[in-house]
Amino acid sequence: MPEKIYEMTAEGKKQLEEELQNLKFVKRPQIVERLKIARSYGDLSENSEYDAAKDEQMRLEERIDAVSEQLKYAVIVDTDAVDPDEVSIGKTVTVTEVGEDEPETYEIVGSSQSDPFHGKALLGHKKGETVKINVDSANVSYDVVINDVKTTD
């Protein structure tokens, strides 16, 4: 089975590390305290405060596991190893929708930080290319022209 890889920017990894610290050392103790208070109300079988805190604890632990896994298999993308005109993680791309005048700029980041519509379909394409982007949920497609690609500072 191939090893999982989570490509990301150095900034993206730093944000995940900070989130993990907050989840473990701020949020987790808050939930433990809520559980302690809810237990003090007595009968747990009909204790909505306890049930809500347990649900929140479950979601928190799932997020801690997900972030920990992403960090364990994190790979920082080296933008210097990619063609300067090619769209890749860690770069900023300016595009214009065909038929529109206003360009839009996006920072291409790893999956842990991403907005899948903006950027993923552009990966691997180069400055000057026209790319068709399909948005499945809306049955819409866009043709965009890649105007510029820069390494993110």
Protein backbone atom coordinates (compact mmCIF):
# COMPACT_ATOMS: atom_id res chain seq x y z
CA MET A 1 0.00 0.00 0.00
CA PRO A 2 1.53 3.34 -0.99
CA GLU A 3 2.32 5.82 1.75
CA LYS A 4 -0.03 8.77 2.06
CA ILE A 5 1.32 12.15 1.07
CA TYR A 6 -0.14 15.53 1.95
CA GLU A 7 1.51 18.19 -0.19
CA MET A 8 1.45 21.62 1.38
CA THR A 9 3.22 24.89 1.70
CA ALA A 10 5.50 25.61 4.66
CA GLU A 11 2.90 28.14 5.85
CA GLY A 12 0.16 25.50 5.57
CA LYS A 13 2.18 23.10 7.72
CA LYS A 14 2.78 25.82 10.29
CA GLN A 15 -0.97 26.56 10.43
CA LEU A 16 -1.76 22.88 10.97
CA GLU A 17 0.84 22.65 13.75
CA GLU A 18 -0.72 25.68 15.46
CA GLU A 19 -4.21 24.24 15.05
CA LEU A 20 -3.09 20.93 16.58
CA GLN A 21 -1.58 22.71 19.58
CA ASN A 22 -4.81 24.67 20.08
CA LEU A 23 -6.96 21.56 19.79
CA LYS A 24 -4.86 19.57 22.25
CA PHE A 25 -4.00 22.21 24.84
CA VAL A 26 -6.94 24.64 24.72
CA LYS A 27 -10.02 22.95 23.27
CA ARG A 28 -9.49 19.49 24.82
CA PRO A 29 -9.20 20.82 28.41
CA GLN A 30 -12.29 22.98 27.85
CA ILE A 31 -14.32 19.93 26.83
CA VAL A 32 -12.97 17.90 29.76
CA GLU A 33 -14.17 20.67 32.06
CA ARG A 34 -17.61 20.70 30.40
CA LEU A 35 -17.85 16.94 30.87
CA LYS A 36 -16.88 17.26 34.52
CA ILE A 37 -19.59 19.88 35.11
CA ALA A 38 -22.20 17.89 33.18
CA ARG A 39 -21.41 14.76 35.24
CA SER A 40 -22.04 16.73 38.41
CA TYR A 41 -25.68 17.17 37.36
CA GLY A 42 -26.33 13.52 38.17
CA ASP A 43 -28.09 10.95 35.97
CA LEU A 44 -26.17 10.78 32.69
CA SER A 45 -28.90 8.88 30.82
CA GLU A 46 -31.01 12.05 30.43
CA ASN A 47 -28.28 14.67 30.62
CA SER A 48 -28.30 16.73 27.40
CA GLU A 49 -25.28 18.80 28.50
CA TYR A 50 -23.26 15.61 28.93
CA ASP A 51 -24.41 14.23 25.56
CA ALA A 52 -23.50 17.49 23.79
CA ALA A 53 -20.06 17.59 25.42
CA LYS A 54 -19.42 13.92 24.48
CA ASP A 55 -20.39 14.68 20.86
CA GLU A 56 -18.09 17.69 20.81
CA GLN A 57 -15.29 15.58 22.33
CA MET A 58 -15.75 12.97 19.58
CA ARG A 59 -15.55 15.63 16.82
CA LEU A 60 -12.49 17.17 18.47
CA GLU A 61 -10.66 13.85 18.68
CA GLU A 62 -11.50 13.11 15.03
CA ARG A 63 -10.04 16.48 14.01
CA ILE A 64 -6.92 15.89 16.14
CA ASP A 65 -6.45 12.52 14.40
CA ALA A 66 -6.93 14.06 10.94
CA VAL A 67 -4.50 16.94 11.55
CA SER A 68 -1.94 14.60 13.14
CA GLU A 69 -2.07 12.33 10.09
CA GLN A 70 -1.67 15.25 7.68
CA LEU A 71 1.38 16.45 9.62
CA LYS A 72 2.84 12.94 9.82
CA TYR A 73 2.77 12.59 6.02
CA ALA A 74 3.35 16.26 5.15
CA VAL A 75 5.57 17.03 2.19
CA ILE A 76 6.60 20.65 1.67
CA VAL A 77 6.50 21.49 -2.02
CA ASP A 78 9.71 22.98 -3.42
CA THR A 79 8.48 25.64 -5.88
CA ASP A 80 12.04 26.22 -7.11
CA ALA A 81 12.01 22.71 -8.62
CA VAL A 82 8.98 23.53 -10.81
CA ASP A 83 8.97 25.45 -14.12
CA PRO A 84 8.50 29.14 -13.21
CA ASP A 85 5.46 29.41 -15.53
CA GLU A 86 3.77 26.22 -14.24
CA VAL A 87 0.97 26.32 -11.69
CA SER A 88 1.92 24.35 -8.57
CA ILE A 89 1.38 24.36 -4.83
CA GLY A 90 3.10 27.36 -3.27
CA LYS A 91 2.53 29.66 -6.24
CA THR A 92 0.13 32.49 -6.92
CA VAL A 93 -1.78 32.41 -10.20
CA THR A 94 -3.74 35.17 -11.89
CA VAL A 95 -6.53 34.03 -14.21
CA THR A 96 -9.25 35.64 -16.28
CA GLU A 97 -12.50 33.91 -17.12
CA VAL A 98 -12.95 33.85 -20.91
CA GLY A 99 -15.25 36.70 -21.89
CA GLU A 100 -14.65 38.61 -18.65
CA ASP A 101 -12.38 41.59 -18.02
CA GLU A 102 -11.55 41.28 -14.34
CA PRO A 103 -8.64 38.97 -13.46
CA GLU A 104 -8.71 36.95 -10.24
CA THR A 105 -5.68 35.89 -8.22
CA TYR A 106 -5.41 32.69 -6.18
CA GLU A 107 -2.70 31.23 -3.99
CA ILE A 108 -2.32 27.54 -4.76
CA VAL A 109 -2.09 25.62 -1.50
CA GLY A 110 -2.16 22.00 -0.36
CA SER A 111 -5.35 20.02 0.18
CA SER A 112 -5.48 20.81 3.90
CA GLN A 113 -5.87 24.50 3.12
CA SER A 114 -7.65 24.35 -0.18
CA ASP A 115 -10.83 25.52 -1.74
CA PRO A 116 -11.03 22.79 -4.40
CA PHE A 117 -12.76 24.96 -7.01
CA HIS A 118 -10.03 27.57 -6.95
CA GLY A 119 -6.74 26.12 -8.00
CA LYS A 120 -6.86 22.33 -8.17
CA ALA A 121 -7.94 22.27 -11.82
CA LEU A 122 -5.09 24.66 -12.65
CA LEU A 123 -2.29 22.47 -11.27
CA GLY A 124 0.28 21.55 -13.89
CA HIS A 125 -0.95 24.08 -16.44
CA LYS A 126 1.23 26.95 -17.62
CA LYS A 127 1.04 30.66 -18.23
CA GLY A 128 -0.87 31.43 -21.43
CA GLU A 129 -2.95 28.23 -21.41
CA THR A 130 -6.73 28.18 -21.39
CA VAL A 131 -8.14 25.69 -18.89
CA LYS A 132 -11.71 24.35 -18.70
CA ILE A 133 -12.87 24.06 -15.10
CA ASN A 134 -15.97 21.98 -14.35
CA VAL A 135 -17.91 22.60 -11.18
CA ASP A 136 -19.75 19.31 -10.63
CA SER A 137 -22.27 20.42 -8.04
CA ALA A 138 -23.51 23.29 -10.20
CA ASN A 139 -23.07 21.72 -13.65
CA VAL A 140 -21.15 24.81 -14.67
CA SER A 141 -17.87 25.04 -16.50
CA TYR A 142 -15.49 27.94 -16.84
CA ASP A 143 -12.75 28.58 -19.34
CA VAL A 144 -9.96 30.54 -17.72
CA VAL A 145 -6.75 31.91 -19.17
CA ILE A 146 -3.70 31.73 -16.94
CA ASN A 147 -2.26 35.24 -17.09
CA ASP A 148 0.61 34.97 -14.64
CA VAL A 149 2.25 32.52 -12.24
CA LYS A 150 4.50 33.68 -9.40
CA THR A 151 6.18 32.00 -6.48
CA THR A 152 4.35 32.97 -3.31
CA ASP A 153 6.49 35.10 -1.02
